[in-house]
Amino acid sequence: MNFQNFKDTLEEKLKDKISFELLEFQYMPYSFGSGLLAYRINGYNYRLLYDGKENELTCEQSKAHDKYFGNLNWTKILTQQNLNTDNIEKIILS
């Protein structure tokens, strides 16, 4: 699964369960398939960073802000190997 497929799979799982807003999406297929996703969900911002070289996905959470960019304080809530949507879905829905 590449990062584009990961995004599509995650959004498909979430769309019927929760309302979300995509804030940012970057997919860099020529940089080991790395990527960045950011969502606003239930008043929180979630940022998913995938390091394709290390095959490591990090999920971070921040309080809501009027604008996504700026000095947000991110808290790392999960680091996992590979692009698995199950753990991410559970965190976002909890």
C-alpha atoms as a PDB file:
ATOM      1  CA  MET A   1       0.000   0.000   0.000  1.00  0.00           C
ATOM      2  CA  ASN A   2       1.363   3.433  -0.872  1.00  0.00           C
ATOM      3  CA  PHE A   3       0.530   6.660   0.977  1.00  0.00           C
ATOM      4  CA  GLN A   4      -2.153   7.687  -1.541  1.00  0.00           C
ATOM      5  CA  ASN A   5      -3.913   4.345  -1.021  1.00  0.00           C
ATOM      6  CA  PHE A   6      -3.529   4.728   2.756  1.00  0.00           C
ATOM      7  CA  LYS A   7      -5.288   8.129   2.625  1.00  0.00           C
ATOM      8  CA  ASP A   8      -8.132   6.781   0.476  1.00  0.00           C
ATOM      9  CA  THR A   9      -8.601   3.719   2.704  1.00  0.00           C
ATOM     10  CA  LEU A  10      -8.612   5.777   5.908  1.00  0.00           C
ATOM     11  CA  GLU A  11     -11.117   8.289   4.538  1.00  0.00           C
ATOM     12  CA  GLU A  12     -13.366   5.487   3.276  1.00  0.00           C
ATOM     13  CA  LYS A  13     -13.417   3.963   6.774  1.00  0.00           C
ATOM     14  CA  LEU A  14     -14.100   7.306   8.462  1.00  0.00           C
ATOM     15  CA  LYS A  15     -16.626   8.916   6.110  1.00  0.00           C
ATOM     16  CA  ASP A  16     -19.717   7.112   7.458  1.00  0.00           C
ATOM     17  CA  LYS A  17     -18.649   7.291  11.105  1.00  0.00           C
ATOM     18  CA  ILE A  18     -17.413  10.832  11.635  1.00  0.00           C
ATOM     19  CA  SER A  19     -17.213  14.238  10.004  1.00  0.00           C
ATOM     20  CA  PHE A  20     -13.699  15.355   9.065  1.00  0.00           C
ATOM     21  CA  GLU A  21     -11.995  18.115   7.132  1.00  0.00           C
ATOM     22  CA  LEU A  22      -8.832  17.462   5.136  1.00  0.00           C
ATOM     23  CA  LEU A  23      -6.407  20.280   5.931  1.00  0.00           C
ATOM     24  CA  GLU A  24      -3.298  19.120   4.103  1.00  0.00           C
ATOM     25  CA  PHE A  25      -2.137  16.251   1.916  1.00  0.00           C
ATOM     26  CA  GLN A  26       1.330  15.692   0.524  1.00  0.00           C
ATOM     27  CA  TYR A  27       2.521  12.519  -1.139  1.00  0.00           C
ATOM     28  CA  MET A  28       6.113  12.285  -2.305  1.00  0.00           C
ATOM     29  CA  PRO A  29       6.426   9.114  -4.378  1.00  0.00           C
ATOM     30  CA  TYR A  30      10.022   9.883  -5.352  1.00  0.00           C
ATOM     31  CA  SER A  31      11.076  10.358  -1.741  1.00  0.00           C
ATOM     32  CA  PHE A  32      10.615   6.749  -0.646  1.00  0.00           C
ATOM     33  CA  GLY A  33       6.826   7.222  -0.812  1.00  0.00           C
ATOM     34  CA  SER A  34       6.763   9.542   2.199  1.00  0.00           C
ATOM     35  CA  GLY A  35       3.718  11.653   2.967  1.00  0.00           C
ATOM     36  CA  LEU A  36       1.827  13.989   5.261  1.00  0.00           C
ATOM     37  CA  LEU A  37      -1.886  14.128   6.066  1.00  0.00           C
ATOM     38  CA  ALA A  38      -3.667  16.585   8.329  1.00  0.00           C
ATOM     39  CA  TYR A  39      -7.324  16.515   9.379  1.00  0.00           C
ATOM     40  CA  ARG A  40      -9.603  18.500  11.659  1.00  0.00           C
ATOM     41  CA  ILE A  41     -11.877  16.094  13.529  1.00  0.00           C
ATOM     42  CA  ASN A  42     -14.102  16.839  16.547  1.00  0.00           C
ATOM     43  CA  GLY A  43     -12.267  20.044  17.383  1.00  0.00           C
ATOM     44  CA  TYR A  44      -8.805  18.489  17.207  1.00  0.00           C
ATOM     45  CA  ASN A  45      -6.156  18.551  14.512  1.00  0.00           C
ATOM     46  CA  TYR A  46      -4.539  15.256  13.575  1.00  0.00           C
ATOM     47  CA  ARG A  47      -1.317  15.023  11.605  1.00  0.00           C
ATOM     48  CA  LEU A  48      -0.105  11.765  10.084  1.00  0.00           C
ATOM     49  CA  LEU A  49       3.523  11.690   8.978  1.00  0.00           C
ATOM     50  CA  TYR A  50       4.872   8.741   7.020  1.00  0.00           C
ATOM     51  CA  ASP A  51       8.597   8.219   6.606  1.00  0.00           C
ATOM     52  CA  GLY A  52       8.817   5.903   3.611  1.00  0.00           C
ATOM     53  CA  LYS A  53      12.517   5.187   4.057  1.00  0.00           C
ATOM     54  CA  GLU A  54      12.042   3.985   7.639  1.00  0.00           C
ATOM     55  CA  ASN A  55       8.524   2.614   6.961  1.00  0.00           C
ATOM     56  CA  GLU A  56       7.290   4.485  10.045  1.00  0.00           C
ATOM     57  CA  LEU A  57       3.944   6.221  10.522  1.00  0.00           C
ATOM     58  CA  THR A  58       3.541   8.823  13.269  1.00  0.00           C
ATOM     59  CA  CYS A  59       0.202  10.208  14.415  1.00  0.00           C
ATOM     60  CA  GLU A  60       0.127  13.518  16.281  1.00  0.00           C
ATOM     61  CA  GLN A  61      -2.740  15.478  17.811  1.00  0.00           C
ATOM     62  CA  SER A  62      -3.215  19.154  18.608  1.00  0.00           C
ATOM     63  CA  LYS A  63      -6.026  21.309  19.899  1.00  0.00           C
ATOM     64  CA  ALA A  64      -8.083  23.042  17.240  1.00  0.00           C
ATOM     65  CA  HIS A  65      -6.908  26.324  15.825  1.00  0.00           C
ATOM     66  CA  ASP A  66      -8.566  28.768  13.446  1.00  0.00           C
ATOM     67  CA  LYS A  67      -5.818  28.255  10.921  1.00  0.00           C
ATOM     68  CA  TYR A  68      -3.842  25.046  10.511  1.00  0.00           C
ATOM     69  CA  PHE A  69      -0.456  26.672  10.043  1.00  0.00           C
ATOM     70  CA  GLY A  70       1.270  28.428  12.890  1.00  0.00           C
ATOM     71  CA  ASN A  71       2.596  27.373  16.232  1.00  0.00           C
ATOM     72  CA  LEU A  72       0.471  24.399  17.154  1.00  0.00           C
ATOM     73  CA  ASN A  73       1.607  22.190  20.001  1.00  0.00           C
ATOM     74  CA  TRP A  74       1.613  18.648  18.664  1.00  0.00           C
ATOM     75  CA  THR A  75       1.479  15.607  20.927  1.00  0.00           C
ATOM     76  CA  LYS A  76       2.693  12.304  19.518  1.00  0.00           C
ATOM     77  CA  ILE A  77       0.006   9.702  20.192  1.00  0.00           C
ATOM     78  CA  LEU A  78       1.181   6.780  18.057  1.00  0.00           C
ATOM     79  CA  THR A  79       4.205   5.540  16.144  1.00  0.00           C
ATOM     80  CA  GLN A  80       3.910   2.332  14.172  1.00  0.00           C
ATOM     81  CA  GLN A  81       5.639   0.425  11.429  1.00  0.00           C
ATOM     82  CA  ASN A  82       3.860   0.230   8.033  1.00  0.00           C
ATOM     83  CA  LEU A  83       0.714   1.891   6.721  1.00  0.00           C
ATOM     84  CA  ASN A  84      -2.036   0.238   8.748  1.00  0.00           C
ATOM     85  CA  THR A  85      -5.268   2.220   9.109  1.00  0.00           C
ATOM     86  CA  ASP A  86      -6.786   0.156  11.946  1.00  0.00           C
ATOM     87  CA  ASN A  87      -4.886   1.805  14.832  1.00  0.00           C
ATOM     88  CA  ILE A  88      -5.362   5.276  13.352  1.00  0.00           C
ATOM     89  CA  GLU A  89      -9.102   4.725  12.956  1.00  0.00           C
ATOM     90  CA  LYS A  90      -9.420   3.621  16.604  1.00  0.00           C
ATOM     91  CA  ILE A  91      -7.518   6.679  17.869  1.00  0.00           C
ATOM     92  CA  ILE A  92      -9.554   9.130  15.811  1.00  0.00           C
ATOM     93  CA  LEU A  93     -12.895   7.581  16.749  1.00  0.00           C
ATOM     94  CA  SER A  94     -12.110   7.434  20.486  1.00  0.00           C
END
